[in-house]
Amino acid sequence: MLRDLLKNVDLKGFEPDVRILLTKYSNNNGSQSPWMEEQIRDAWGSMVLKNVVRETDEVGKVRSV
């Protein structure tokens, strides 16, 4: 999908820096995180994720009062 969006855009040599944060990544059985990582890699073609994906606790949500 991203490749389709960018194929007609002339970036004049610029290579965008894209960061993806998976806030609920887990290696537990039944988790969709490994599938999600595979989908991200497929969407970006041969681009490699620079940072290792780490398992973390759930990120808290901010509430507005």
C-alpha atoms as a PDB file:
ATOM      1  CA  MET A   1       0.000   0.000   0.000  1.00  0.00           C
ATOM      2  CA  LEU A   2       2.738   2.495   0.917  1.00  0.00           C
ATOM      3  CA  ARG A   3       4.738   1.629  -2.169  1.00  0.00           C
ATOM      4  CA  ASP A   4       1.624   2.302  -4.272  1.00  0.00           C
ATOM      5  CA  LEU A   5       1.203   5.734  -2.659  1.00  0.00           C
ATOM      6  CA  LEU A   6       4.840   6.711  -3.162  1.00  0.00           C
ATOM      7  CA  LYS A   7       5.412   5.332  -6.665  1.00  0.00           C
ATOM      8  CA  ASN A   8       4.112   8.519  -8.358  1.00  0.00           C
ATOM      9  CA  VAL A   9       5.743  10.956  -5.923  1.00  0.00           C
ATOM     10  CA  ASP A  10       9.077  12.572  -6.849  1.00  0.00           C
ATOM     11  CA  LEU A  11      10.985  12.852  -3.556  1.00  0.00           C
ATOM     12  CA  LYS A  12      14.035  14.317  -5.356  1.00  0.00           C
ATOM     13  CA  GLY A  13      16.363  11.838  -3.664  1.00  0.00           C
ATOM     14  CA  PHE A  14      14.894  12.336  -0.174  1.00  0.00           C
ATOM     15  CA  GLU A  15      14.453   9.139   1.816  1.00  0.00           C
ATOM     16  CA  PRO A  16      11.800   9.545   4.529  1.00  0.00           C
ATOM     17  CA  ASP A  17      12.517   8.384   8.073  1.00  0.00           C
ATOM     18  CA  VAL A  18       9.558   6.353   9.282  1.00  0.00           C
ATOM     19  CA  ARG A  19       9.166   5.175  12.863  1.00  0.00           C
ATOM     20  CA  ILE A  20       6.603   2.625  13.917  1.00  0.00           C
ATOM     21  CA  LEU A  21       5.721   2.041  17.559  1.00  0.00           C
ATOM     22  CA  LEU A  22       3.961  -1.192  18.439  1.00  0.00           C
ATOM     23  CA  THR A  23       2.618  -0.519  21.915  1.00  0.00           C
ATOM     24  CA  LYS A  24       1.290  -4.004  22.618  1.00  0.00           C
ATOM     25  CA  TYR A  25       4.030  -6.245  21.236  1.00  0.00           C
ATOM     26  CA  SER A  26       4.199  -9.641  22.898  1.00  0.00           C
ATOM     27  CA  ASN A  27       5.743 -13.052  22.267  1.00  0.00           C
ATOM     28  CA  ASN A  28       2.966 -14.858  24.160  1.00  0.00           C
ATOM     29  CA  ASN A  29       1.132 -17.735  22.468  1.00  0.00           C
ATOM     30  CA  GLY A  30      -1.846 -16.434  20.527  1.00  0.00           C
ATOM     31  CA  SER A  31      -0.414 -12.931  20.192  1.00  0.00           C
ATOM     32  CA  GLN A  32      -0.758 -11.239  16.801  1.00  0.00           C
ATOM     33  CA  SER A  33       2.462  -9.220  17.282  1.00  0.00           C
ATOM     34  CA  PRO A  34       4.740 -11.486  15.186  1.00  0.00           C
ATOM     35  CA  TRP A  35       2.102 -11.390  12.427  1.00  0.00           C
ATOM     36  CA  MET A  36       1.957  -7.581  12.708  1.00  0.00           C
ATOM     37  CA  GLU A  37       5.754  -7.329  12.427  1.00  0.00           C
ATOM     38  CA  GLU A  38       5.630  -9.515   9.296  1.00  0.00           C
ATOM     39  CA  GLN A  39       2.946  -7.266   7.770  1.00  0.00           C
ATOM     40  CA  ILE A  40       5.084  -4.172   8.411  1.00  0.00           C
ATOM     41  CA  ARG A  41       8.106  -5.798   6.789  1.00  0.00           C
ATOM     42  CA  ASP A  42       5.976  -6.855   3.797  1.00  0.00           C
ATOM     43  CA  ALA A  43       4.564  -3.323   3.399  1.00  0.00           C
ATOM     44  CA  TRP A  44       8.022  -1.737   3.327  1.00  0.00           C
ATOM     45  CA  GLY A  45       9.542  -4.244   0.940  1.00  0.00           C
ATOM     46  CA  SER A  46      13.274  -4.698   1.394  1.00  0.00           C
ATOM     47  CA  MET A  47      13.558  -1.993   4.067  1.00  0.00           C
ATOM     48  CA  VAL A  48      14.805  -3.375   7.365  1.00  0.00           C
ATOM     49  CA  LEU A  49      13.602  -2.332  10.798  1.00  0.00           C
ATOM     50  CA  LYS A  50      16.649  -0.649  12.350  1.00  0.00           C
ATOM     51  CA  ASN A  51      15.799  -1.152  16.003  1.00  0.00           C
ATOM     52  CA  VAL A  52      15.036  -4.451  17.619  1.00  0.00           C
ATOM     53  CA  VAL A  53      11.405  -4.900  18.529  1.00  0.00           C
ATOM     54  CA  ARG A  54      11.150  -5.277  22.286  1.00  0.00           C
ATOM     55  CA  GLU A  55       8.418  -6.726  24.432  1.00  0.00           C
ATOM     56  CA  THR A  56       7.097  -4.087  26.814  1.00  0.00           C
ATOM     57  CA  ASP A  57       4.275  -3.626  29.266  1.00  0.00           C
ATOM     58  CA  GLU A  58       1.160  -1.910  27.986  1.00  0.00           C
ATOM     59  CA  VAL A  59       1.589   1.831  27.616  1.00  0.00           C
ATOM     60  CA  GLY A  60      -0.742   3.772  29.899  1.00  0.00           C
ATOM     61  CA  LYS A  61      -3.338   6.064  28.379  1.00  0.00           C
ATOM     62  CA  VAL A  62      -3.638   9.728  29.319  1.00  0.00           C
ATOM     63  CA  ARG A  63      -7.015  10.904  30.505  1.00  0.00           C
ATOM     64  CA  SER A  64      -8.311  14.396  29.950  1.00  0.00           C
ATOM     65  CA  VAL A  65     -10.324  15.793  32.863  1.00  0.00           C
END
